Structures are given as structure tokens and as C-alpha cells.
Amino acid sequence: MIIKDTDNNLCLVNTVDESNNVLLKLNLNYLKQYSFFTGQLVTFKGKNLNGNELIVEKYECLYTLPFNDNVKKNDFVIEIIQNSSNILKTLSNDSVVIFLGCEISEDIKKWSYANKSNKILHVPTLDSINTINVFPQPPIYDDNIHIEKLSNPCELELNNNSIFINTLPVIDEIKENEVLKNEKCNNQIKCAQFLFKGDELDRLIAHLLFQASFCPVFPSRYNIEYDDKILEQKIHPDLYIIRSEKFPLFVRQSGPIHVINIGLGNCKINQKDGNIDVFNI
């Protein structure tokens, strides 16, 4: 795992034999292209000449997980609600409604009883007023049986689509902690070929997907309970719903995976005939 020492140098800590108190400084001078961040799991190849510095020659940071086995992906509409004030007038019938963080009012509870054709979910967020400000977060339970309570982060299946929801601003943290070098190179390392084939957002999304963690940055500026059983991703999703403060709404595709930024407002995600759009409501 990559961390920074007191002099702000990138260092490697050994997470295999638990000798985490020994830092190995990374000498990256001979690399033309790299994109690293603190907390990242990376495999390095190089020379350790004096015992405390690794002269890096190659690296690998893309680790593949299994994908969803369901081939058929049916159409759906998801409405993301982060501000529930006067929202009942805009909600559609027969859609999936996900309330993120906002309080479920009595009017919404009555609406959920009357609209049983809608699948209604509630996911807590770190800025929820009635939750502990620690990630990951357990579900918020109440007596309404028509609203399904989920954790943050969470995994769900909708019409044969595997969906992740994670409201921790993960790509914002990766961006804040990224150490980058991108010089012209005739003999690219395979990992660099993938990371630098698109723009900045493509690169950040690649890091998010291939680190296989719901909280890839360490240390995080948020309160994190580090439990690998909860934070580790077991598969690649079909859709990964995230919340970024630094980027506008977007849908980006990386291989078969669609990453969707819902921002901080209410929005609608529409999948039809294999195409996915997201827009404010």
C-alpha cells in the first residue's frame, strides 16, 4: 500500500507480512507515466539497492474482479431523492425511488403505502441528521415495511442489473490525493496504457473500479471504520452510483461498467435499450 512519509515522499508499506512500521521510499524518477494515490494497492518491480529505497521499473495496479453473470439487462428508471421537500408531485409511477440521506416524512410514508408498484429504498449518508457520522453506515430502521432500508455502501440487484451505491465522495478523494506524471513515452507500461488512454475522469474512475474497495484512499478525510469485510468489493457491478462534489452529473462507461455521478441534488437515471442517461429533476 502507498502512503506518504513526514517529508511528503511516496512510500510503500508491506501489507503481506505485517511489517507496516517499515517504510520503503519509492524512487519514481525512471518512470515516464504514473498515477498513484495514498492507500492504493500497487505491485512494484524494481531494485532495492540500499534497503530503504526502491527504484521502480514497472508497476501493476489494475486488479480484475468477477462480473455479473446475468447477460440480459432490462430497462428501468431510478429516481434519486436527496431533498424530499415537495418531491411527491414529481415522482413517477412504477419507478425505483431511492431516498439518500433525507428524512422520510409522514407524507412520503403514506405515499409508499398507496404506491405499492414503486420499489422504495432508503440509504443513509454521512450528512444525515439522524445517523452516526462514520462510514460505512448501517441501515436506518423504522416501522414502514414498504420502504426497504439499505446500508451505505450497498449492493442491490434490479432487473438483472448489479448496482453499487456509495455516497462517500470517492473520486473526489482520489483526485485530491493523486500524484501524477504523464510524459511522452514510446514503451508504455500496460497499466499506464489503460490509465492514460482517456481524460482525468476516466483515470479516476479506473482507479475506483480496479482498487476493489468502497474506500480506496487512506487515510481518508472522513471518519472511516476500516472493516475489509464491508469495504471490499467482491464483484464488478453493472452500475456504480457515486456522489461527487467536484464533477457535474455524468455517466461514464469503463468496459461493461457504467459509473453514474448523481451529484448533490435530485435526479433520474434512465436505462433504455442499453443506453443510460442521468438528469436533474
C-alpha atoms as a PDB file:
ATOM      1  CA  MET A   1       0.000   0.000   0.000  1.00  0.00           C
ATOM      2  CA  ILE A   2       1.200   3.527  -0.816  1.00  0.00           C
ATOM      3  CA  ILE A   3       1.446   6.183   1.903  1.00  0.00           C
ATOM      4  CA  LYS A   4       3.360   9.442   2.371  1.00  0.00           C
ATOM      5  CA  ASP A   5       6.134   9.918   4.935  1.00  0.00           C
ATOM      6  CA  THR A   6       6.736  13.049   7.009  1.00  0.00           C
ATOM      7  CA  ASP A   7       8.701  14.590   4.116  1.00  0.00           C
ATOM      8  CA  ASN A   8       5.773  14.004   1.719  1.00  0.00           C
ATOM      9  CA  ASN A   9       7.629  11.252  -0.175  1.00  0.00           C
ATOM     10  CA  LEU A  10       5.635   8.348  -1.590  1.00  0.00           C
ATOM     11  CA  CYS A  11       6.486   5.179   0.298  1.00  0.00           C
ATOM     12  CA  LEU A  12       5.463   1.549   0.256  1.00  0.00           C
ATOM     13  CA  VAL A  13       4.312  -0.283   3.361  1.00  0.00           C
ATOM     14  CA  ASN A  14       4.319  -4.050   3.398  1.00  0.00           C
ATOM     15  CA  THR A  15       0.792  -5.361   3.927  1.00  0.00           C
ATOM     16  CA  VAL A  16       1.762  -9.020   3.481  1.00  0.00           C
ATOM     17  CA  ASP A  17       3.974  -9.792   6.494  1.00  0.00           C
ATOM     18  CA  GLU A  18       2.510  -7.023   8.708  1.00  0.00           C
ATOM     19  CA  SER A  19       5.795  -5.076   8.883  1.00  0.00           C
ATOM     20  CA  ASN A  20       3.853  -1.842   8.464  1.00  0.00           C
ATOM     21  CA  ASN A  21       6.269   0.138  10.611  1.00  0.00           C
ATOM     22  CA  VAL A  22       8.964  -0.160   7.907  1.00  0.00           C
ATOM     23  CA  LEU A  23       8.659   2.365   5.067  1.00  0.00           C
ATOM     24  CA  LEU A  24      10.286   1.803   1.696  1.00  0.00           C
ATOM     25  CA  LYS A  25      10.713   5.030  -0.246  1.00  0.00           C
ATOM     26  CA  LEU A  26       9.639   4.861  -3.891  1.00  0.00           C
ATOM     27  CA  ASN A  27      12.087   6.283  -6.430  1.00  0.00           C
ATOM     28  CA  LEU A  28       9.890   7.058  -9.450  1.00  0.00           C
ATOM     29  CA  ASN A  29      12.475   9.028 -11.447  1.00  0.00           C
ATOM     30  CA  TYR A  30      12.773   6.386 -14.161  1.00  0.00           C
ATOM     31  CA  LEU A  31       9.042   6.199 -14.879  1.00  0.00           C
ATOM     32  CA  LYS A  32       7.539   8.391 -17.599  1.00  0.00           C
ATOM     33  CA  GLN A  33       3.907   7.846 -16.622  1.00  0.00           C
ATOM     34  CA  TYR A  34       2.208   7.032 -13.367  1.00  0.00           C
ATOM     35  CA  SER A  35      -0.849   7.895 -11.328  1.00  0.00           C
ATOM     36  CA  PHE A  36      -0.752   6.915  -7.653  1.00  0.00           C
ATOM     37  CA  PHE A  37      -2.655   7.917  -4.531  1.00  0.00           C
ATOM     38  CA  THR A  38      -2.321   7.229  -0.827  1.00  0.00           C
ATOM     39  CA  GLY A  39      -3.948   3.965   0.203  1.00  0.00           C
ATOM     40  CA  GLN A  40      -3.580   2.478  -3.275  1.00  0.00           C
ATOM     41  CA  LEU A  41      -2.631  -1.176  -3.595  1.00  0.00           C
ATOM     42  CA  VAL A  42       0.148  -1.487  -6.167  1.00  0.00           C
ATOM     43  CA  THR A  43       2.592  -4.201  -7.196  1.00  0.00           C
ATOM     44  CA  PHE A  44       6.046  -2.771  -7.918  1.00  0.00           C
ATOM     45  CA  LYS A  45       9.057  -4.260  -9.674  1.00  0.00           C
ATOM     46  CA  GLY A  46      12.441  -2.622  -9.262  1.00  0.00           C
ATOM     47  CA  LYS A  47      15.780  -2.580  -7.441  1.00  0.00           C
ATOM     48  CA  ASN A  48      16.273  -2.082  -3.717  1.00  0.00           C
ATOM     49  CA  LEU A  49      19.964  -1.197  -3.528  1.00  0.00           C
ATOM     50  CA  ASN A  50      20.348   0.275  -0.051  1.00  0.00           C
ATOM     51  CA  GLY A  51      17.494  -1.334   1.858  1.00  0.00           C
ATOM     52  CA  ASN A  52      15.295   1.748   2.237  1.00  0.00           C
ATOM     53  CA  GLU A  53      14.581   2.884  -1.337  1.00  0.00           C
ATOM     54  CA  LEU A  54      13.003   1.029  -4.253  1.00  0.00           C
ATOM     55  CA  ILE A  55      13.997   2.199  -7.736  1.00  0.00           C
ATOM     56  CA  VAL A  56      10.756   1.438  -9.562  1.00  0.00           C
ATOM     57  CA  GLU A  57      10.946  -0.038 -13.069  1.00  0.00           C
ATOM     58  CA  LYS A  58       7.403  -1.370 -13.519  1.00  0.00           C
ATOM     59  CA  TYR A  59       4.128  -1.406 -11.633  1.00  0.00           C
ATOM     60  CA  GLU A  60       0.690  -3.020 -11.771  1.00  0.00           C
ATOM     61  CA  CYS A  61      -2.435  -1.513 -10.205  1.00  0.00           C
ATOM     62  CA  LEU A  62      -5.395  -2.994 -12.121  1.00  0.00           C
ATOM     63  CA  TYR A  63      -6.958  -5.978 -10.388  1.00  0.00           C
ATOM     64  CA  THR A  64      -9.897  -7.664 -12.105  1.00  0.00           C
ATOM     65  CA  LEU A  65     -12.940  -8.963 -10.222  1.00  0.00           C
ATOM     66  CA  PRO A  66     -15.730 -11.256 -11.460  1.00  0.00           C
ATOM     67  CA  PHE A  67     -18.557  -9.622 -13.407  1.00  0.00           C
ATOM     68  CA  ASN A  68     -22.317 -10.078 -13.134  1.00  0.00           C
ATOM     69  CA  ASP A  69     -23.247 -13.357 -14.847  1.00  0.00           C
ATOM     70  CA  ASN A  70     -26.708 -12.197 -15.941  1.00  0.00           C
ATOM     71  CA  VAL A  71     -26.499 -11.430 -19.654  1.00  0.00           C
ATOM     72  CA  LYS A  72     -29.881  -9.763 -20.162  1.00  0.00           C
ATOM     73  CA  LYS A  73     -30.095  -6.228 -18.756  1.00  0.00           C
ATOM     74  CA  ASN A  74     -33.672  -4.957 -18.656  1.00  0.00           C
ATOM     75  CA  ASP A  75     -34.756  -1.320 -18.834  1.00  0.00           C
ATOM     76  CA  PHE A  76     -35.501   0.647 -15.659  1.00  0.00           C
ATOM     77  CA  VAL A  77     -35.972   4.113 -14.170  1.00  0.00           C
ATOM     78  CA  ILE A  78     -34.367   5.135 -10.861  1.00  0.00           C
ATOM     79  CA  GLU A  79     -35.279   8.364  -9.107  1.00  0.00           C
ATOM     80  CA  ILE A  80     -32.641   9.588  -6.640  1.00  0.00           C
ATOM     81  CA  ILE A  81     -34.051  11.883  -3.953  1.00  0.00           C
ATOM     82  CA  GLN A  82     -31.623  13.848  -1.762  1.00  0.00           C
ATOM     83  CA  ASN A  83     -34.030  16.676  -0.916  1.00  0.00           C
ATOM     84  CA  SER A  84     -37.516  15.396  -0.154  1.00  0.00           C
ATOM     85  CA  SER A  85     -39.256  18.788   0.165  1.00  0.00           C
ATOM     86  CA  ASN A  86     -42.301  18.920  -2.154  1.00  0.00           C
ATOM     87  CA  ILE A  87     -41.000  15.871  -4.013  1.00  0.00           C
ATOM     88  CA  LEU A  88     -44.219  13.840  -4.205  1.00  0.00           C
ATOM     89  CA  LYS A  89     -45.505  15.849  -7.182  1.00  0.00           C
ATOM     90  CA  THR A  90     -42.523  14.826  -9.323  1.00  0.00           C
ATOM     91  CA  LEU A  91     -42.267  11.094  -8.554  1.00  0.00           C
ATOM     92  CA  SER A  92     -43.229   8.653 -11.297  1.00  0.00           C
ATOM     93  CA  ASN A  93     -45.310   5.516 -11.083  1.00  0.00           C
ATOM     94  CA  ASP A  94     -43.645   2.103 -11.403  1.00  0.00           C
ATOM     95  CA  SER A  95     -40.161   3.517 -10.822  1.00  0.00           C
ATOM     96  CA  VAL A  96     -37.490   2.733  -8.257  1.00  0.00           C
ATOM     97  CA  VAL A  97     -37.229   5.595  -5.766  1.00  0.00           C
ATOM     98  CA  ILE A  98     -34.066   5.837  -3.665  1.00  0.00           C
ATOM     99  CA  PHE A  99     -34.047   8.337  -0.811  1.00  0.00           C
ATOM    100  CA  LEU A 100     -30.436   9.244   0.003  1.00  0.00           C
ATOM    101  CA  GLY A 101     -29.890  10.629   3.475  1.00  0.00           C
ATOM    102  CA  CYS A 102     -33.001  12.791   3.553  1.00  0.00           C
ATOM    103  CA  GLU A 103     -35.623  12.237   6.215  1.00  0.00           C
ATOM    104  CA  ILE A 104     -38.670  10.169   5.300  1.00  0.00           C
ATOM    105  CA  SER A 105     -41.643  12.395   6.127  1.00  0.00           C
ATOM    106  CA  GLU A 106     -45.091  11.133   7.096  1.00  0.00           C
ATOM    107  CA  ASP A 107     -46.409  12.210   3.682  1.00  0.00           C
ATOM    108  CA  ILE A 108     -43.784  10.052   1.961  1.00  0.00           C
ATOM    109  CA  LYS A 109     -44.655   7.111   4.209  1.00  0.00           C
ATOM    110  CA  LYS A 110     -48.342   7.471   3.293  1.00  0.00           C
ATOM    111  CA  TRP A 111     -47.367   7.723  -0.375  1.00  0.00           C
ATOM    112  CA  SER A 112     -45.339   4.499  -0.082  1.00  0.00           C
ATOM    113  CA  TYR A 113     -48.387   2.630   1.227  1.00  0.00           C
ATOM    114  CA  ALA A 114     -50.529   3.930  -1.643  1.00  0.00           C
ATOM    115  CA  ASN A 115     -47.945   3.261  -4.373  1.00  0.00           C
ATOM    116  CA  LYS A 116     -47.002  -0.368  -3.908  1.00  0.00           C
ATOM    117  CA  SER A 117     -45.959  -0.634  -7.572  1.00  0.00           C
ATOM    118  CA  ASN A 118     -42.944   1.559  -6.768  1.00  0.00           C
ATOM    119  CA  LYS A 119     -39.856  -0.002  -5.245  1.00  0.00           C
ATOM    120  CA  ILE A 120     -38.807   2.419  -2.492  1.00  0.00           C
ATOM    121  CA  LEU A 121     -35.367   2.324  -0.856  1.00  0.00           C
ATOM    122  CA  HIS A 122     -33.620   4.406   1.793  1.00  0.00           C
ATOM    123  CA  VAL A 123     -29.828   4.744   2.028  1.00  0.00           C
ATOM    124  CA  PRO A 124     -28.140   6.800   4.779  1.00  0.00           C
ATOM    125  CA  THR A 125     -25.401   9.347   4.061  1.00  0.00           C
ATOM    126  CA  LEU A 126     -22.688  10.912   6.201  1.00  0.00           C
ATOM    127  CA  ASP A 127     -24.612  14.190   6.280  1.00  0.00           C
ATOM    128  CA  SER A 128     -27.831  12.557   7.505  1.00  0.00           C
ATOM    129  CA  ILE A 129     -29.020  14.259  10.692  1.00  0.00           C
ATOM    130  CA  ASN A 130     -30.104  11.018  12.378  1.00  0.00           C
ATOM    131  CA  THR A 131     -27.023   8.849  11.765  1.00  0.00           C
ATOM    132  CA  ILE A 132     -23.570   8.461  13.265  1.00  0.00           C
ATOM    133  CA  ASN A 133     -21.028  10.247  11.089  1.00  0.00           C
ATOM    134  CA  VAL A 134     -18.934   7.117  10.446  1.00  0.00           C
ATOM    135  CA  PHE A 135     -18.582   5.217   7.153  1.00  0.00           C
ATOM    136  CA  PRO A 136     -19.731   2.515   6.401  1.00  0.00           C
ATOM    137  CA  GLN A 137     -23.213   3.105   7.765  1.00  0.00           C
ATOM    138  CA  PRO A 138     -25.874   0.598   8.820  1.00  0.00           C
ATOM    139  CA  PRO A 139     -29.481   0.898   7.627  1.00  0.00           C
ATOM    140  CA  ILE A 140     -31.860   3.270   9.411  1.00  0.00           C
ATOM    141  CA  TYR A 141     -34.799   1.163  10.533  1.00  0.00           C
ATOM    142  CA  ASP A 142     -38.369   2.243  11.188  1.00  0.00           C
ATOM    143  CA  ASP A 143     -41.776   0.564  11.175  1.00  0.00           C
ATOM    144  CA  ASN A 144     -42.568   1.229   7.498  1.00  0.00           C
ATOM    145  CA  ILE A 145     -42.486  -2.133   5.737  1.00  0.00           C
ATOM    146  CA  HIS A 146     -42.893  -0.629   2.251  1.00  0.00           C
ATOM    147  CA  ILE A 147     -39.550   1.196   2.338  1.00  0.00           C
ATOM    148  CA  GLU A 148     -36.517  -1.073   2.092  1.00  0.00           C
ATOM    149  CA  LYS A 149     -33.658   0.087   4.320  1.00  0.00           C
ATOM    150  CA  LEU A 150     -30.128  -0.349   2.995  1.00  0.00           C
ATOM    151  CA  SER A 151     -26.638   0.358   4.278  1.00  0.00           C
ATOM    152  CA  ASN A 152     -24.091   2.806   2.859  1.00  0.00           C
ATOM    153  CA  PRO A 153     -22.379   1.472   0.792  1.00  0.00           C
ATOM    154  CA  CYS A 154     -24.782  -1.137  -0.516  1.00  0.00           C
ATOM    155  CA  GLU A 155     -25.266  -3.614  -3.329  1.00  0.00           C
ATOM    156  CA  LEU A 156     -28.608  -4.431  -4.915  1.00  0.00           C
ATOM    157  CA  GLU A 157     -29.982  -6.146  -7.983  1.00  0.00           C
ATOM    158  CA  LEU A 158     -32.553  -4.506 -10.237  1.00  0.00           C
ATOM    159  CA  ASN A 159     -33.894  -6.204 -13.371  1.00  0.00           C
ATOM    160  CA  ASN A 160     -30.774  -8.402 -13.602  1.00  0.00           C
ATOM    161  CA  ASN A 161     -28.505  -5.381 -13.108  1.00  0.00           C
ATOM    162  CA  SER A 162     -25.979  -5.453 -10.283  1.00  0.00           C
ATOM    163  CA  ILE A 163     -25.870  -1.958  -8.729  1.00  0.00           C
ATOM    164  CA  PHE A 164     -23.494  -0.411  -6.186  1.00  0.00           C
ATOM    165  CA  ILE A 165     -24.435   2.741  -4.267  1.00  0.00           C
ATOM    166  CA  ASN A 166     -21.656   4.592  -2.451  1.00  0.00           C
ATOM    167  CA  THR A 167     -22.172   8.174  -1.242  1.00  0.00           C
ATOM    168  CA  LEU A 168     -18.632   8.637   0.060  1.00  0.00           C
ATOM    169  CA  PRO A 169     -17.070  11.112  -2.443  1.00  0.00           C
ATOM    170  CA  VAL A 170     -14.502   8.549  -3.512  1.00  0.00           C
ATOM    171  CA  ILE A 171     -13.336  10.023  -6.821  1.00  0.00           C
ATOM    172  CA  ASP A 172     -13.005  13.435  -5.153  1.00  0.00           C
ATOM    173  CA  GLU A 173     -10.653  11.917  -2.565  1.00  0.00           C
ATOM    174  CA  ILE A 174      -8.652  10.072  -5.218  1.00  0.00           C
ATOM    175  CA  LYS A 175      -8.294  13.347  -7.140  1.00  0.00           C
ATOM    176  CA  GLU A 176      -7.162  15.215  -4.009  1.00  0.00           C
ATOM    177  CA  ASN A 177      -4.505  12.598  -3.195  1.00  0.00           C
ATOM    178  CA  GLU A 178      -3.315  11.757  -6.720  1.00  0.00           C
ATOM    179  CA  VAL A 179       0.401  12.023  -7.533  1.00  0.00           C
ATOM    180  CA  LEU A 180       0.699  12.234 -11.302  1.00  0.00           C
ATOM    181  CA  LYS A 181       3.331  12.172 -14.024  1.00  0.00           C
ATOM    182  CA  ASN A 182       2.455  11.992 -17.707  1.00  0.00           C
ATOM    183  CA  GLU A 183       5.368  12.417 -20.108  1.00  0.00           C
ATOM    184  CA  LYS A 184       5.546  11.181 -23.681  1.00  0.00           C
ATOM    185  CA  CYS A 185       6.538   7.524 -23.658  1.00  0.00           C
ATOM    186  CA  ASN A 186       7.190   5.129 -26.547  1.00  0.00           C
ATOM    187  CA  ASN A 187       7.162   1.998 -24.407  1.00  0.00           C
ATOM    188  CA  GLN A 188       4.189   2.359 -22.070  1.00  0.00           C
ATOM    189  CA  ILE A 189       3.688   0.108 -19.090  1.00  0.00           C
ATOM    190  CA  LYS A 190       0.462  -1.856 -19.568  1.00  0.00           C
ATOM    191  CA  CYS A 191      -1.164  -0.255 -16.531  1.00  0.00           C
ATOM    192  CA  ALA A 192      -0.253   3.231 -17.785  1.00  0.00           C
ATOM    193  CA  GLN A 193      -1.720   2.444 -21.217  1.00  0.00           C
ATOM    194  CA  PHE A 194      -5.089   1.920 -19.587  1.00  0.00           C
ATOM    195  CA  LEU A 195      -4.912   4.815 -17.120  1.00  0.00           C
ATOM    196  CA  PHE A 196      -3.836   7.421 -19.668  1.00  0.00           C
ATOM    197  CA  LYS A 197      -5.933   6.467 -22.684  1.00  0.00           C
ATOM    198  CA  GLY A 198      -8.735   8.855 -21.662  1.00  0.00           C
ATOM    199  CA  ASP A 199      -9.150  12.064 -19.668  1.00  0.00           C
ATOM    200  CA  GLU A 200      -8.762  12.760 -15.956  1.00  0.00           C
ATOM    201  CA  LEU A 201     -12.226  11.474 -15.089  1.00  0.00           C
ATOM    202  CA  ASP A 202     -11.636   8.202 -16.951  1.00  0.00           C
ATOM    203  CA  ARG A 203      -8.424   7.737 -14.951  1.00  0.00           C
ATOM    204  CA  LEU A 204     -10.087   8.413 -11.594  1.00  0.00           C
ATOM    205  CA  ILE A 205     -12.913   6.012 -12.437  1.00  0.00           C
ATOM    206  CA  ALA A 206     -10.405   3.316 -13.414  1.00  0.00           C
ATOM    207  CA  HIS A 207      -8.741   3.693 -10.012  1.00  0.00           C
ATOM    208  CA  LEU A 208     -12.109   3.457  -8.279  1.00  0.00           C
ATOM    209  CA  LEU A 209     -13.175   0.311 -10.119  1.00  0.00           C
ATOM    210  CA  PHE A 210      -9.926  -1.620 -10.051  1.00  0.00           C
ATOM    211  CA  GLN A 211      -8.942  -0.953  -6.433  1.00  0.00           C
ATOM    212  CA  ALA A 212     -11.971  -3.073  -5.443  1.00  0.00           C
ATOM    213  CA  SER A 213     -12.701  -1.009  -2.327  1.00  0.00           C
ATOM    214  CA  PHE A 214     -15.574   1.267  -1.329  1.00  0.00           C
ATOM    215  CA  CYS A 215     -12.991   3.470   0.442  1.00  0.00           C
ATOM    216  CA  PRO A 216      -9.730   3.236  -1.560  1.00  0.00           C
ATOM    217  CA  VAL A 217      -7.973   6.331  -0.114  1.00  0.00           C
ATOM    218  CA  PHE A 218      -6.017   6.033   3.148  1.00  0.00           C
ATOM    219  CA  PRO A 219      -6.046   7.994   5.295  1.00  0.00           C
ATOM    220  CA  SER A 220      -9.444   9.434   4.418  1.00  0.00           C
ATOM    221  CA  ARG A 221     -10.610  12.894   5.498  1.00  0.00           C
ATOM    222  CA  TYR A 222     -13.832  11.215   6.651  1.00  0.00           C
ATOM    223  CA  ASN A 223     -14.489   9.065   9.706  1.00  0.00           C
ATOM    224  CA  ILE A 224     -13.951   5.505   8.485  1.00  0.00           C
ATOM    225  CA  GLU A 225     -14.334   2.202  10.304  1.00  0.00           C
ATOM    226  CA  TYR A 226     -11.883   0.044   8.376  1.00  0.00           C
ATOM    227  CA  ASP A 227     -13.526  -3.350   8.014  1.00  0.00           C
ATOM    228  CA  ASP A 228     -12.383  -5.222   4.914  1.00  0.00           C
ATOM    229  CA  LYS A 229     -15.448  -7.487   5.021  1.00  0.00           C
ATOM    230  CA  ILE A 230     -17.674  -4.447   4.444  1.00  0.00           C
ATOM    231  CA  LEU A 231     -15.415  -2.190   2.369  1.00  0.00           C
ATOM    232  CA  GLU A 232     -14.118  -4.845  -0.029  1.00  0.00           C
ATOM    233  CA  GLN A 233     -15.918  -5.255  -3.359  1.00  0.00           C
ATOM    234  CA  LYS A 234     -16.482  -8.868  -4.369  1.00  0.00           C
ATOM    235  CA  ILE A 235     -17.570  -8.270  -7.986  1.00  0.00           C
ATOM    236  CA  HIS A 236     -17.623  -5.564 -10.618  1.00  0.00           C
ATOM    237  CA  PRO A 237     -21.137  -4.050 -10.805  1.00  0.00           C
ATOM    238  CA  ASP A 238     -23.102  -3.232 -13.926  1.00  0.00           C
ATOM    239  CA  LEU A 239     -23.855   0.217 -12.481  1.00  0.00           C
ATOM    240  CA  TYR A 240     -21.890   2.093  -9.835  1.00  0.00           C
ATOM    241  CA  ILE A 241     -23.778   5.083  -8.392  1.00  0.00           C
ATOM    242  CA  ILE A 242     -21.476   7.619  -6.719  1.00  0.00           C
ATOM    243  CA  ARG A 243     -21.757  11.159  -5.374  1.00  0.00           C
ATOM    244  CA  SER A 244     -19.101  13.708  -6.347  1.00  0.00           C
ATOM    245  CA  GLU A 245     -18.934  17.363  -5.334  1.00  0.00           C
ATOM    246  CA  LYS A 246     -16.176  18.227  -7.839  1.00  0.00           C
ATOM    247  CA  PHE A 247     -17.792  16.934 -11.038  1.00  0.00           C
ATOM    248  CA  PRO A 248     -21.212  17.599 -12.630  1.00  0.00           C
ATOM    249  CA  LEU A 249     -23.711  14.820 -13.344  1.00  0.00           C
ATOM    250  CA  PHE A 250     -22.212  12.210 -15.637  1.00  0.00           C
ATOM    251  CA  VAL A 251     -22.469   8.684 -16.978  1.00  0.00           C
ATOM    252  CA  ARG A 252     -19.121   7.155 -17.894  1.00  0.00           C
ATOM    253  CA  GLN A 253     -18.545   3.658 -19.207  1.00  0.00           C
ATOM    254  CA  SER A 254     -15.434   1.632 -18.397  1.00  0.00           C
ATOM    255  CA  GLY A 255     -15.668  -1.709 -20.181  1.00  0.00           C
ATOM    256  CA  PRO A 256     -19.103  -3.140 -19.312  1.00  0.00           C
ATOM    257  CA  ILE A 257     -19.418  -0.970 -16.172  1.00  0.00           C
ATOM    258  CA  HIS A 258     -21.381   2.287 -16.078  1.00  0.00           C
ATOM    259  CA  VAL A 259     -20.349   4.776 -13.377  1.00  0.00           C
ATOM    260  CA  ILE A 260     -23.004   7.404 -12.615  1.00  0.00           C
ATOM    261  CA  ASN A 261     -22.413  10.584 -10.633  1.00  0.00           C
ATOM    262  CA  ILE A 262     -25.648  11.839  -9.080  1.00  0.00           C
ATOM    263  CA  GLY A 263     -24.155  14.998  -7.564  1.00  0.00           C
ATOM    264  CA  LEU A 264     -25.902  16.527  -4.552  1.00  0.00           C
ATOM    265  CA  GLY A 265     -29.423  17.106  -5.916  1.00  0.00           C
ATOM    266  CA  ASN A 266     -32.429  15.083  -7.047  1.00  0.00           C
ATOM    267  CA  CYS A 267     -32.005  13.255 -10.331  1.00  0.00           C
ATOM    268  CA  LYS A 268     -33.367  10.489 -12.527  1.00  0.00           C
ATOM    269  CA  ILE A 269     -31.404   7.587 -14.018  1.00  0.00           C
ATOM    270  CA  ASN A 270     -32.976   6.074 -17.116  1.00  0.00           C
ATOM    271  CA  GLN A 271     -31.766   2.882 -18.787  1.00  0.00           C
ATOM    272  CA  LYS A 272     -33.455   2.067 -22.093  1.00  0.00           C
ATOM    273  CA  ASP A 273     -32.228  -0.220 -24.865  1.00  0.00           C
ATOM    274  CA  GLY A 274     -28.782  -0.385 -23.290  1.00  0.00           C
ATOM    275  CA  ASN A 275     -28.360   3.405 -23.078  1.00  0.00           C
ATOM    276  CA  ILE A 276     -28.144   5.156 -19.703  1.00  0.00           C
ATOM    277  CA  ASP A 277     -28.881   8.832 -19.032  1.00  0.00           C
ATOM    278  CA  VAL A 278     -28.903  10.888 -15.833  1.00  0.00           C
ATOM    279  CA  PHE A 279     -30.574  14.284 -15.452  1.00  0.00           C
ATOM    280  CA  ASN A 280     -31.812  16.596 -12.691  1.00  0.00           C
ATOM    281  CA  ILE A 281     -35.449  16.570 -11.596  1.00  0.00           C
END
